[in-house]
Each structure stands twice: as C-alpha cells, then as structure tokens.
Amino acid sequence: MVSIARAVQLSDIAGNPYQVQIQWLADRGITTGWPDGTFRPYQPINRDAMAAFLYRMNGSPAYDAPAQSRFKDVRPGQQFYKEIHWLAEKGITTGWPDGTFRPVQPINRDAIAAFMYRYAGKPAYTAPATSVFTDIRPGQDFYKEIHWLESKGITTGWTESDATRTYRALQPLNRDAMAAFLYRYENPANGTPTPLTALVPTTESTDFVSWGDAGVNGSTYANSVMTTALNDDDPRSISYDLAAKYNRFQAVLGVSDISLSTEGSFKYEVFGDGRLLATQQVAFGATVPVDVPVTGVKTLEIKVTRLLGGESSSAGVLGDVRLVVGVLPLPTAAVEEAPAAGYLAELERVVDGMFLNGAYSINGTAYPNAITQAMTAENSTATAEYNLGRDYSTLSGRLGLDDELTTDTSARYTVKFIVDGVEKLSREVVAGAGADFSVDVKNGLRLKIEVTRTGGGTGDSVLVLGDPRLTP
C-alpha cells in the first residue's frame, strides 16, 4: 500500500488478497474498523453493518429516521437505526415478510446482489437465459441481480476444479469480499493497462532491466522491471514521461526469488513531478501491492534502494508494473499449473557451491539423479541453494558416500537442510553407511543444503545425495 497518513490504521489486513480495497474503504470513511484496530476481514458482515456501509458510501446524506421503527426487531436508538431506515426509504431493502430486518444476521451473497442492484437505481438489464454460474438457476431468487453484479465485474464468483463457475448464493458474505464488491462498484474497470515496459525511459539506466516474467515469493508476474544491487544504501532511479495521460501507477513490489542473497530488503519510492507519492519497504519472501494516483503527472520517477542484503547480490522487482487510465483491479500473479513431483537435480541452483549432478552409487545402489559434493579438507563447508517457489511439501532421498570415488573410508560429513533460514534437518554421514532422509519443505521458498566435512584423512571422498526427490 501507499505509505501515507491514514485516518484509520487496520492491524489485520496485511497480506489479505483485498488489502488495497479494504484500505480504500477505510480511507473513504466507509469503515472505521473495530475499536481494537482490526477489520476482521474473514468474518461475515451483518445486515446492519451493510446498511451503514452503503449509507456512508452514498456520502452519509442528510436523513431523519422515523420516530417509530418500520421493523419489529429494530428499535430507536439501536446501532445503525438511521442507516437501516435510510436503506429501507431508498428501497434498497424490503426486510423480511414477517416485518423484521434481522440486523445482526450475516447477509448472504444473493441478498448483497439485490442490495447493490437497487443501490445502483435498478438499471435496465436483461439477465442471460442460461446462467453463467452452475449453482444459480433461472427463476431463482435474485437471479437477475446476481447476473447484473457479474456483468459489471463486481463479482467473479468461484472457479471450481472442473473449470465451471459458482456463485454460492446462500453463503454469507465476508467483510473482505464486501470491500472488494464496493471498491469494484465505485471503481469500474476502464480500458487496458499500459505496461511500464512499453514506455521508453527518459533517463538512461543500466540498473533497471525489463525482465518479462519475474518470480517473487513463489509467484510469477508478467511485464516486470528488475534492478540488481550488490551494495546497501545505493539508490538507483529511472524516469518516464507520462505526459499527464494516466490516472494510476500499479505494481506488485518484492525481491526476486533468484536473488543470491535471501537477506535482501528494498525501499521503493515513487515520485510524480518531483513530489514523493509513495514509499514502501519489502523483504525477500514477501510482496506488497501498490496503487498510486498519478493523475496530471508528467514525469514519473522510480527510486529503488537496497537496505539490507549481505555480501551477495539481490534484485528488486516491480511485478506487472503498469499505468492505468481510470481504475482497474490490482495486478495479480500468473495462474500456473501445480508442479509435478521431480528430482532436485532438475532445478537450477541459485547458489552453486561446486555441487555436481549425475549418476553415483551408495552401498551398491545406483542413483542416476544424484547431487554430489567432493571434499578433501576437514572442516571445509560448501552450500547449494535452490528456489522452491513454495510449490513443494517434501524433499526425500538417501545420503551416503560414493562407492567408487571415496578412497578415504574414514571421511565424515554433516549435511544440513535449511528452508527459509530455518534448519529442518541435520544428518551425519560416514563411509559404508547410507541413510534415508526426508525434509519438510512445505511452503518453502529457498532451500539451502550445507555440507561440511567434519573428519577423516586427506584422501578423496564424495558426499552423495541419492536421487533427492521433491513432492508437491
């Protein structure tokens, strides 16, 4: 999110898919959150709160609620009494046939479609004869309103495993999804975004590269821009001429998954005509979406500074960075097929450490997809690192010393498996004694294998990871 002064700071929305939309709701004064500073995004929204949200989104118009309630279960002085009656006065709600409003009951997804259709003034619309959702039938309550909601891009429904779409009409609407609905209603999509990579920079910079698809936090973002840094506190900048043609600058900020350093932390700054518009810090293994107003901006400058990173290089990424006329939803990661099980040797090493792939044997058993490390000096250590992309759950295989290439039968090794900086497994390995291993790598982004020769003579020995296999 853009780092600006906020009237409402919500403590539990970071990382939510609708973080931008929820913060928009707060910035507009449509929500104030709860007294403890939370928004409770995954909690269903009650009907009385929905009345308040629609009333505020309409600008909190002057309205005198009746002294006598029109609903049997809503009393004068009750929370949101005024907003509920405004909703009824505008014909947005009719209540229930028994004369109740049921204020503390969660609102279902079919009812919110009706509320929003009526809020929009019941625009002329003809629903399709065949439903776009497999769980919504013609003639069903709010069939027309649900399809109007879909036609406006306010809802997308769910895409099921068989590629069909469902709406789940009788499921309560969560507060985060409600924020998305209201945001999309107020900010309809308008045109095709322009990738920033389609513009020619006005300042020459070899520090920024149009990268195409870039991996960040296990996901892939198209039309990305990458900048590589070896030193901390060394800002890099690039500028573009926008000619005051655009309304918003959008991107997903992060640190490249193929960075040599997993300690990388970057500060991103966006300037418009010399004025700071947004600033954000992002560390390796995280992503932050930004949606920055640039209406009237002629010159856009992006400044990227590595704050931390150690001695190895790391790369900052602006994923799917683009310029928008009007308002569009924030960019999202590309949808990728779930990976199949495969051998670790099939992945490219991010940090090599002089490891080799090939066919080796342990105790008479051949391993054609092995990974090896050869050492002669005691207390020497080598590391290899792999980008797992948060795609796998288990790494398993067998540890031992190669039968043919190990002449020093007194050699001893320690092998450590480290996932995202956390040691998951440590094993001692000696000649003539192979051992199976299994490592939990679930949701892991970076795998580090650290091999140390802890004892033996000066003869040759080759540590073997026998056919280490990754399983989703």
Protein backbone atom coordinates (compact mmCIF):
# COMPACT_ATOMS: atom_id res chain seq x y z
CA MET A 1 0.00 0.00 0.00
CA VAL A 2 0.98 3.62 -0.42
CA SER A 3 2.69 4.88 2.72
CA ILE A 4 0.65 7.97 3.59
CA ALA A 5 -1.07 9.26 6.72
CA ARG A 6 -4.16 7.15 7.35
CA ALA A 7 -7.28 8.21 9.21
CA VAL A 8 -7.83 4.56 10.07
CA GLN A 9 -5.00 2.06 10.59
CA LEU A 10 -6.21 -1.54 10.42
CA SER A 11 -3.91 -4.07 12.06
CA ASP A 12 -5.12 -7.33 10.49
CA ILE A 13 -5.35 -6.71 6.75
CA ALA A 14 -1.69 -7.10 5.69
CA GLY A 15 -1.41 -9.96 3.21
CA ASN A 16 -5.15 -10.16 2.59
CA PRO A 17 -5.96 -10.51 -1.15
CA TYR A 18 -8.20 -7.46 -0.81
CA GLN A 19 -5.85 -5.35 1.31
CA VAL A 20 -5.96 -2.42 -1.13
CA GLN A 21 -9.74 -2.49 -1.35
CA ILE A 22 -10.15 -2.67 2.45
CA GLN A 23 -7.77 0.25 2.95
CA TRP A 24 -9.69 2.18 0.29
CA LEU A 25 -12.85 1.53 2.31
CA ALA A 26 -11.15 2.94 5.40
CA ASP A 27 -9.67 5.95 3.58
CA ARG A 28 -13.13 6.81 2.26
CA GLY A 29 -14.60 6.64 5.77
CA ILE A 30 -16.90 3.81 4.76
CA THR A 31 -15.46 1.63 7.52
CA THR A 32 -13.93 2.61 10.82
CA GLY A 33 -12.98 -0.94 11.77
CA TRP A 34 -13.42 -2.26 15.29
CA PRO A 35 -12.36 -0.43 18.47
CA ASP A 36 -9.34 -2.74 18.80
CA GLY A 37 -7.97 -1.52 15.44
CA THR A 38 -8.94 -4.64 13.47
CA PHE A 39 -11.12 -5.06 10.41
CA ARG A 40 -11.78 -8.81 10.83
CA PRO A 41 -11.73 -9.49 7.08
CA TYR A 42 -12.75 -13.14 7.25
CA GLN A 43 -15.77 -12.52 9.48
CA PRO A 44 -19.19 -12.38 7.76
CA ILE A 45 -20.71 -8.92 7.56
CA ASN A 46 -24.02 -8.41 9.33
CA ARG A 47 -27.02 -6.77 7.69
CA ASP A 48 -26.95 -3.71 9.96
CA ALA A 49 -23.27 -3.05 9.17
CA MET A 50 -24.00 -3.44 5.47
CA ALA A 51 -26.65 -0.73 5.79
CA ALA A 52 -24.08 1.56 7.40
CA PHE A 53 -21.51 0.87 4.69
CA LEU A 54 -23.93 1.69 1.86
CA TYR A 55 -25.14 4.83 3.64
CA ARG A 56 -21.56 6.08 4.07
CA MET A 57 -20.60 5.15 0.52
CA ASN A 58 -23.52 7.34 -0.59
CA GLY A 59 -21.92 10.26 1.24
CA SER A 60 -23.82 9.97 4.56
CA PRO A 61 -26.71 12.10 3.20
CA ALA A 62 -28.92 14.18 5.48
CA TYR A 63 -31.76 11.97 6.65
CA ASP A 64 -34.16 11.99 9.59
CA ALA A 65 -35.09 8.47 10.63
CA PRO A 66 -38.70 7.93 11.71
CA ALA A 67 -39.51 8.04 15.41
CA GLN A 68 -41.38 4.76 15.02
CA SER A 69 -39.44 1.87 13.54
CA ARG A 70 -40.79 0.14 10.47
CA PHE A 71 -39.10 -3.11 11.56
CA LYS A 72 -40.21 -5.14 14.57
CA ASP A 73 -36.65 -6.01 15.58
CA VAL A 74 -35.00 -2.60 15.13
CA ARG A 75 -35.56 -0.12 17.98
CA PRO A 76 -34.97 3.68 18.02
CA GLY A 77 -31.51 4.35 19.42
CA GLN A 78 -30.22 0.97 18.30
CA GLN A 79 -26.88 0.93 16.46
CA PHE A 80 -27.36 1.82 12.79
CA TYR A 81 -31.05 2.61 13.30
CA LYS A 82 -30.77 5.63 10.99
CA GLU A 83 -28.78 3.78 8.33
CA ILE A 84 -31.17 0.81 8.27
CA HIS A 85 -34.17 3.09 7.78
CA TRP A 86 -32.36 5.08 5.09
CA LEU A 87 -31.75 1.78 3.30
CA ALA A 88 -35.46 0.97 3.51
CA GLU A 89 -36.50 4.50 2.49
CA LYS A 90 -34.42 4.18 -0.68
CA GLY A 91 -35.96 0.80 -1.50
CA ILE A 92 -32.63 -0.97 -1.15
CA THR A 93 -34.08 -3.33 1.45
CA THR A 94 -37.62 -4.53 1.96
CA GLY A 95 -36.89 -6.56 5.07
CA TRP A 96 -38.45 -9.96 5.65
CA PRO A 97 -42.12 -10.89 5.13
CA ASP A 98 -42.58 -11.15 8.91
CA GLY A 99 -41.74 -7.45 9.31
CA THR A 100 -38.20 -7.93 10.60
CA PHE A 101 -34.86 -6.69 9.32
CA ARG A 102 -32.69 -9.19 11.26
CA PRO A 103 -29.85 -6.69 11.78
CA VAL A 104 -27.28 -8.98 13.36
CA GLN A 105 -27.77 -11.79 10.85
CA PRO A 106 -24.98 -12.14 8.25
CA ILE A 107 -26.01 -11.01 4.79
CA ASN A 108 -25.92 -13.72 2.17
CA ARG A 109 -24.30 -13.31 -1.22
CA ASP A 110 -27.60 -13.35 -3.10
CA ALA A 111 -29.02 -10.59 -0.89
CA ILE A 112 -25.97 -8.36 -1.38
CA ALA A 113 -26.50 -8.66 -5.14
CA ALA A 114 -30.06 -7.37 -4.64
CA PHE A 115 -28.90 -4.57 -2.33
CA MET A 116 -26.30 -3.34 -4.80
CA TYR A 117 -28.61 -3.58 -7.82
CA ARG A 118 -31.18 -1.47 -6.00
CA TYR A 119 -28.47 0.89 -4.71
CA ALA A 120 -27.48 1.47 -8.36
CA GLY A 121 -31.08 2.51 -9.12
CA LYS A 122 -32.33 -0.74 -10.65
CA PRO A 123 -30.70 -0.12 -14.04
CA ALA A 124 -32.19 -1.67 -17.15
CA TYR A 125 -30.69 -5.11 -17.55
CA THR A 126 -31.72 -8.40 -19.15
CA ALA A 127 -30.29 -11.47 -17.45
CA PRO A 128 -28.98 -14.29 -19.68
CA ALA A 129 -31.28 -17.19 -20.39
CA THR A 130 -28.51 -19.58 -19.32
CA SER A 131 -26.75 -18.89 -16.05
CA VAL A 132 -23.01 -18.20 -16.04
CA PHE A 133 -22.91 -19.93 -12.65
CA THR A 134 -23.64 -23.64 -12.34
CA ASP A 135 -25.31 -23.20 -8.94
CA ILE A 136 -27.70 -20.42 -9.99
CA ARG A 137 -30.84 -21.37 -11.93
CA PRO A 138 -33.20 -19.15 -13.96
CA GLY A 139 -36.17 -18.20 -11.79
CA GLN A 140 -34.15 -18.44 -8.59
CA ASP A 141 -34.40 -15.55 -6.12
CA PHE A 142 -32.21 -12.64 -7.25
CA TYR A 143 -31.17 -14.41 -10.47
CA LYS A 144 -31.27 -11.11 -12.37
CA GLU A 145 -29.43 -9.16 -9.67
CA ILE A 146 -26.65 -11.76 -9.34
CA HIS A 147 -26.02 -11.72 -13.09
CA TRP A 148 -26.07 -7.91 -13.17
CA LEU A 149 -23.42 -7.97 -10.45
CA GLU A 150 -21.32 -10.35 -12.58
CA SER A 151 -21.84 -8.33 -15.76
CA LYS A 152 -20.42 -5.23 -14.04
CA GLY A 153 -17.32 -7.06 -12.88
CA ILE A 154 -18.30 -6.59 -9.23
CA THR A 155 -18.22 -10.33 -8.64
CA THR A 156 -16.30 -13.06 -10.39
CA GLY A 157 -17.63 -15.96 -8.35
CA TRP A 158 -15.50 -19.04 -7.81
CA THR A 159 -13.78 -21.13 -10.48
CA GLU A 160 -14.09 -24.76 -9.46
CA SER A 161 -11.64 -27.59 -10.18
CA ASP A 162 -13.62 -28.60 -13.28
CA ALA A 163 -13.33 -25.00 -14.63
CA THR A 164 -17.03 -24.23 -14.02
CA ARG A 165 -18.04 -21.16 -12.04
CA THR A 166 -20.22 -20.96 -8.95
CA TYR A 167 -21.65 -18.03 -7.00
CA ARG A 168 -22.64 -19.70 -3.68
CA ALA A 169 -25.72 -17.58 -3.25
CA LEU A 170 -26.69 -18.67 0.25
CA GLN A 171 -23.18 -18.35 1.68
CA PRO A 172 -22.64 -15.34 3.99
CA LEU A 173 -20.51 -12.56 2.52
CA ASN A 174 -17.22 -11.98 4.34
CA ARG A 175 -16.10 -8.47 5.17
CA ASP A 176 -13.07 -8.58 2.86
CA ALA A 177 -15.19 -9.70 -0.10
CA MET A 178 -17.66 -6.95 0.73
CA ALA A 179 -14.82 -4.41 0.49
CA ALA A 180 -13.93 -5.80 -2.94
CA PHE A 181 -17.57 -5.54 -4.11
CA LEU A 182 -17.88 -1.89 -3.04
CA TYR A 183 -14.48 -0.99 -4.50
CA ARG A 184 -15.35 -2.52 -7.87
CA TYR A 185 -18.73 -0.77 -7.87
CA GLU A 186 -17.15 2.63 -7.25
CA ASN A 187 -14.11 1.98 -9.44
CA PRO A 188 -15.24 0.19 -12.59
CA ALA A 189 -12.60 -1.17 -14.94
CA ASN A 190 -11.76 1.29 -17.68
CA GLY A 191 -9.57 0.24 -20.57
CA THR A 192 -6.47 -1.88 -20.93
CA PRO A 193 -3.47 -1.09 -18.72
CA THR A 194 -0.23 0.04 -20.34
CA PRO A 195 2.82 -1.93 -19.18
CA LEU A 196 5.52 0.42 -17.97
CA THR A 197 7.94 -1.65 -20.04
CA ALA A 198 6.20 -0.33 -23.17
CA LEU A 199 7.46 3.19 -22.40
CA VAL A 200 10.96 4.39 -23.21
CA PRO A 201 12.74 5.77 -20.12
CA THR A 202 13.70 9.44 -20.29
CA THR A 203 16.83 8.73 -18.26
CA GLU A 204 19.30 6.08 -19.36
CA SER A 205 19.93 3.49 -16.66
CA THR A 206 21.62 0.14 -16.93
CA ASP A 207 20.45 -0.62 -13.40
CA PHE A 208 16.87 -1.34 -14.49
CA VAL A 209 16.03 -4.16 -16.86
CA SER A 210 12.70 -5.12 -18.45
CA TRP A 211 12.54 -8.71 -17.29
CA GLY A 212 9.26 -10.10 -18.60
CA ASP A 213 8.13 -12.86 -16.22
CA ALA A 214 9.72 -12.47 -12.78
CA GLY A 215 9.40 -14.84 -9.82
CA VAL A 216 8.60 -13.17 -6.49
CA ASN A 217 7.59 -15.00 -3.31
CA GLY A 218 6.84 -18.16 -5.28
CA SER A 219 4.57 -16.46 -7.87
CA THR A 220 5.23 -15.17 -11.37
CA TYR A 221 4.45 -11.63 -12.52
CA ALA A 222 4.48 -10.57 -16.18
CA ASN A 223 5.80 -7.28 -17.60
CA SER A 224 8.21 -6.86 -14.71
CA VAL A 225 11.12 -4.49 -14.15
CA MET A 226 14.13 -5.69 -12.16
CA THR A 227 17.07 -3.88 -10.60
CA THR A 228 20.09 -5.73 -9.19
CA ALA A 229 22.08 -4.36 -6.25
CA LEU A 230 25.29 -5.55 -4.63
CA ASN A 231 25.69 -2.70 -2.14
CA ASP A 232 23.37 -1.35 0.53
CA ASP A 233 22.19 2.29 0.65
CA ASP A 234 23.00 2.83 -3.02
CA PRO A 235 19.80 4.21 -4.62
CA ARG A 236 19.03 3.55 -8.29
CA SER A 237 16.47 5.62 -10.19
CA ILE A 238 14.74 5.71 -13.56
CA SER A 239 12.26 8.21 -15.04
CA TYR A 240 9.45 8.12 -17.61
CA ASP A 241 7.43 10.77 -19.44
CA LEU A 242 3.73 10.12 -18.69
CA ALA A 243 2.51 13.29 -20.46
CA ALA A 244 -0.31 13.52 -17.88
CA LYS A 245 -2.11 10.69 -19.72
CA TYR A 246 -2.64 8.25 -16.86
CA ASN A 247 -4.56 8.04 -13.60
CA ARG A 248 -2.82 5.31 -11.63
CA PHE A 249 0.54 3.56 -11.29
CA GLN A 250 0.23 -0.07 -10.16
CA ALA A 251 2.73 -2.79 -9.36
CA VAL A 252 3.50 -5.67 -7.03
CA LEU A 253 6.75 -4.97 -5.21
CA GLY A 254 9.12 -7.66 -4.00
CA VAL A 255 12.58 -9.22 -4.14
CA SER A 256 13.44 -11.70 -6.89
CA ASP A 257 13.30 -15.37 -5.96
CA ILE A 258 16.58 -15.90 -7.82
CA SER A 259 18.50 -13.37 -5.71
CA LEU A 260 21.74 -14.80 -4.38
CA SER A 261 21.06 -13.17 -1.01
CA THR A 262 17.92 -14.08 0.93
CA GLU A 263 18.59 -11.17 3.28
CA GLY A 264 17.64 -8.63 0.63
CA SER A 265 15.37 -5.79 1.72
CA PHE A 266 14.49 -2.90 -0.61
CA LYS A 267 12.90 0.52 -0.31
CA TYR A 268 10.78 1.65 -3.26
CA GLU A 269 9.90 5.29 -3.80
CA VAL A 270 7.58 6.70 -6.47
CA PHE A 271 7.80 10.39 -7.39
CA GLY A 272 5.49 12.44 -9.59
CA ASP A 273 6.92 15.70 -10.95
CA GLY A 274 9.45 15.67 -8.12
CA ARG A 275 6.90 15.05 -5.35
CA LEU A 276 7.02 11.83 -3.31
CA LEU A 277 3.81 9.91 -3.99
CA ALA A 278 4.51 6.60 -2.27
CA THR A 279 7.17 4.72 -0.37
CA GLN A 280 7.31 1.07 0.69
CA GLN A 281 9.82 -1.40 2.10
CA VAL A 282 9.79 -5.07 1.09
CA ALA A 283 11.94 -8.00 2.21
CA PHE A 284 12.79 -11.27 0.45
CA GLY A 285 9.86 -13.69 0.66
CA ALA A 286 7.16 -11.00 0.69
CA THR A 287 5.10 -8.99 -1.79
CA VAL A 288 3.35 -5.64 -1.41
CA PRO A 289 0.85 -4.24 -3.95
CA VAL A 290 0.89 -0.51 -4.70
CA ASP A 291 -1.83 1.54 -6.35
CA VAL A 292 -0.66 5.16 -6.69
CA PRO A 293 -2.71 8.07 -8.10
CA VAL A 294 -0.77 9.81 -10.93
CA THR A 295 -3.48 11.97 -12.48
CA GLY A 296 -1.84 15.02 -14.03
CA VAL A 297 1.69 13.70 -13.51
CA LYS A 298 4.06 14.42 -16.38
CA THR A 299 7.31 12.90 -15.09
CA LEU A 300 7.32 9.64 -13.13
CA GLU A 301 10.47 8.68 -11.23
CA ILE A 302 11.05 5.34 -9.52
CA LYS A 303 13.83 5.10 -6.97
CA VAL A 304 14.94 1.74 -5.54
CA THR A 305 17.40 1.36 -2.65
CA ARG A 306 18.67 -1.87 -1.15
CA LEU A 307 18.58 -1.53 2.63
CA LEU A 308 19.98 -4.96 3.53
CA GLY A 309 21.50 -7.80 1.56
CA GLY A 310 24.78 -9.04 2.91
CA GLU A 311 27.72 -9.64 0.60
CA SER A 312 25.77 -11.31 -2.22
CA SER A 313 23.66 -9.60 -4.84
CA SER A 314 19.89 -9.39 -4.69
CA ALA A 315 17.33 -7.99 -7.11
CA GLY A 316 14.33 -5.79 -6.52
CA VAL A 317 11.27 -6.44 -8.67
CA LEU A 318 8.34 -4.29 -9.74
CA GLY A 319 5.99 -7.05 -10.86
CA ASP A 320 3.41 -6.46 -13.60
CA VAL A 321 4.20 -2.74 -13.34
CA ARG A 322 1.69 -0.72 -15.32
CA LEU A 323 -0.13 2.54 -15.92
CA VAL A 324 -3.91 2.77 -15.90
CA VAL A 325 -6.50 5.13 -17.33
CA GLY A 326 -9.48 5.08 -15.00
CA VAL A 327 -9.30 2.37 -12.35
CA LEU A 328 -8.51 -1.32 -12.69
CA PRO A 329 -8.09 -4.04 -10.08
CA LEU A 330 -4.51 -4.51 -8.92
CA PRO A 331 -2.22 -6.84 -10.89
CA THR A 332 -2.16 -10.46 -9.80
CA ALA A 333 0.27 -13.31 -10.22
CA ALA A 334 0.00 -15.55 -13.24
CA VAL A 335 -2.00 -18.73 -12.71
CA GLU A 336 0.39 -21.63 -13.03
CA GLU A 337 -0.14 -25.36 -13.13
CA ALA A 338 0.74 -27.20 -9.95
CA PRO A 339 4.19 -28.77 -10.36
CA ALA A 340 4.63 -32.50 -10.59
CA ALA A 341 7.00 -34.44 -8.38
CA GLY A 342 10.54 -34.31 -9.65
CA TYR A 343 14.21 -34.59 -8.78
CA LEU A 344 16.02 -31.72 -7.11
CA ALA A 345 18.75 -32.07 -9.74
CA GLU A 346 16.24 -30.85 -12.33
CA LEU A 347 16.09 -27.43 -10.67
CA GLU A 348 18.67 -24.78 -11.46
CA ARG A 349 20.81 -23.87 -8.47
CA VAL A 350 20.61 -20.24 -7.38
CA VAL A 351 23.84 -20.66 -5.39
CA ASP A 352 26.06 -23.36 -6.89
CA GLY A 353 28.84 -24.11 -4.39
CA MET A 354 30.57 -26.50 -6.83
CA PHE A 355 27.95 -29.24 -6.47
CA LEU A 356 27.57 -31.71 -9.34
CA ASN A 357 24.62 -33.61 -10.75
CA GLY A 358 24.95 -37.11 -12.16
CA ALA A 359 24.88 -40.87 -11.61
CA TYR A 360 26.57 -42.12 -8.43
CA SER A 361 26.19 -45.11 -6.12
CA ILE A 362 25.79 -45.69 -2.38
CA ASN A 363 26.35 -49.17 -0.91
CA GLY A 364 25.92 -50.82 -4.29
CA THR A 365 22.74 -48.97 -5.26
CA ALA A 366 22.90 -46.63 -8.26
CA TYR A 367 21.29 -43.18 -8.13
CA PRO A 368 21.06 -41.67 -11.62
CA ASN A 369 19.74 -38.28 -10.43
CA ALA A 370 22.18 -37.72 -7.59
CA ILE A 371 23.76 -34.48 -6.35
CA THR A 372 27.31 -34.63 -5.01
CA GLN A 373 29.99 -32.63 -3.24
CA ALA A 374 33.65 -33.71 -3.13
CA MET A 375 35.98 -32.52 -0.34
CA THR A 376 39.47 -33.39 0.91
CA ALA A 377 39.97 -30.80 3.64
CA GLU A 378 38.49 -31.26 7.11
CA ASN A 379 36.11 -28.51 8.37
CA SER A 380 35.54 -27.20 4.86
CA THR A 381 31.93 -26.26 4.02
CA ALA A 382 30.04 -25.90 0.74
CA THR A 383 26.46 -24.75 0.15
CA ALA A 384 23.94 -25.03 -2.64
CA GLU A 385 20.67 -23.12 -2.78
CA TYR A 386 17.50 -23.77 -4.76
CA ASN A 387 14.35 -21.75 -5.39
CA LEU A 388 11.41 -24.00 -4.47
CA GLY A 389 8.76 -21.39 -5.28
CA ARG A 390 6.55 -22.56 -2.38
CA ASP A 391 5.49 -25.42 -4.66
CA TYR A 392 6.59 -28.48 -2.70
CA SER A 393 5.93 -30.17 0.62
CA THR A 394 8.65 -32.83 0.99
CA LEU A 395 12.23 -33.47 -0.11
CA SER A 396 13.39 -37.06 0.34
CA GLY A 397 16.28 -39.24 -0.76
CA ARG A 398 19.31 -41.10 0.58
CA LEU A 399 22.62 -39.85 1.98
CA GLY A 400 25.97 -41.61 1.77
CA LEU A 401 29.46 -41.60 0.25
CA ASP A 402 30.06 -42.70 -3.32
CA ASP A 403 31.28 -46.31 -3.63
CA GLU A 404 33.88 -45.79 -6.36
CA LEU A 405 35.20 -42.26 -5.78
CA THR A 406 35.63 -42.44 -2.00
CA THR A 407 39.14 -43.66 -1.11
CA ASP A 408 39.22 -42.21 2.40
CA THR A 409 36.93 -44.56 4.31
CA SER A 410 37.40 -42.51 7.50
CA ALA A 411 35.73 -39.44 5.97
CA ARG A 412 32.79 -37.97 7.88
CA TYR A 413 30.30 -35.32 6.80
CA THR A 414 27.48 -33.28 8.28
CA VAL A 415 24.62 -32.36 5.94
CA LYS A 416 22.13 -29.68 6.92
CA PHE A 417 18.87 -28.82 5.15
CA ILE A 418 17.75 -25.23 5.75
CA VAL A 419 14.44 -23.82 4.49
CA ASP A 420 13.95 -20.04 4.51
CA GLY A 421 16.62 -19.67 7.15
CA VAL A 422 15.28 -22.41 9.44
CA GLU A 423 17.28 -25.62 9.89
CA LYS A 424 14.92 -28.51 9.19
CA LEU A 425 17.29 -31.49 9.36
CA SER A 426 20.93 -32.29 10.18
CA ARG A 427 22.48 -35.69 9.43
CA GLU A 428 25.92 -37.24 10.00
CA VAL A 429 27.27 -39.31 7.08
CA VAL A 430 30.14 -41.85 7.14
CA ALA A 431 31.52 -44.27 4.58
CA GLY A 432 29.69 -47.57 4.22
CA ALA A 433 26.53 -46.39 5.97
CA GLY A 434 23.78 -44.90 3.81
CA ALA A 435 20.69 -43.42 5.37
CA ASP A 436 17.33 -42.24 4.06
CA PHE A 437 16.24 -38.67 4.75
CA SER A 438 13.01 -36.69 4.49
CA VAL A 439 12.72 -32.93 4.91
CA ASP A 440 9.56 -30.88 5.39
CA VAL A 441 9.76 -28.05 2.82
CA LYS A 442 6.06 -27.13 2.79
CA ASN A 443 5.51 -23.53 1.67
CA GLY A 444 9.28 -23.12 1.44
CA LEU A 445 10.73 -20.53 -0.90
CA ARG A 446 14.50 -21.10 -0.63
CA LEU A 447 16.22 -24.41 0.16
CA LYS A 448 19.82 -24.34 1.33
CA ILE A 449 21.91 -27.52 1.58
CA GLU A 450 25.05 -27.12 3.67
CA VAL A 451 27.72 -29.84 3.53
CA THR A 452 30.67 -29.86 5.95
CA ARG A 453 33.47 -32.42 6.04
CA THR A 454 33.93 -32.95 9.77
CA GLY A 455 36.62 -35.64 9.83
CA GLY A 456 38.84 -38.11 8.04
CA GLY A 457 42.21 -38.16 6.34
CA THR A 458 43.42 -36.37 3.24
CA GLY A 459 42.11 -38.90 0.75
CA ASP A 460 39.26 -38.38 -1.65
CA SER A 461 35.65 -38.71 -0.67
CA VAL A 462 32.40 -37.75 -2.39
CA LEU A 463 29.22 -36.97 -0.44
CA VAL A 464 26.14 -38.14 -2.33
CA LEU A 465 22.50 -37.07 -2.08
CA GLY A 466 20.96 -40.05 -3.77
CA ASP A 467 18.09 -39.08 -6.07
CA PRO A 468 16.67 -36.31 -3.81
CA ARG A 469 13.04 -36.00 -4.88
CA LEU A 470 10.60 -33.13 -4.42
CA THR A 471 6.93 -33.92 -3.83
CA PRO A 472 4.15 -31.28 -4.07
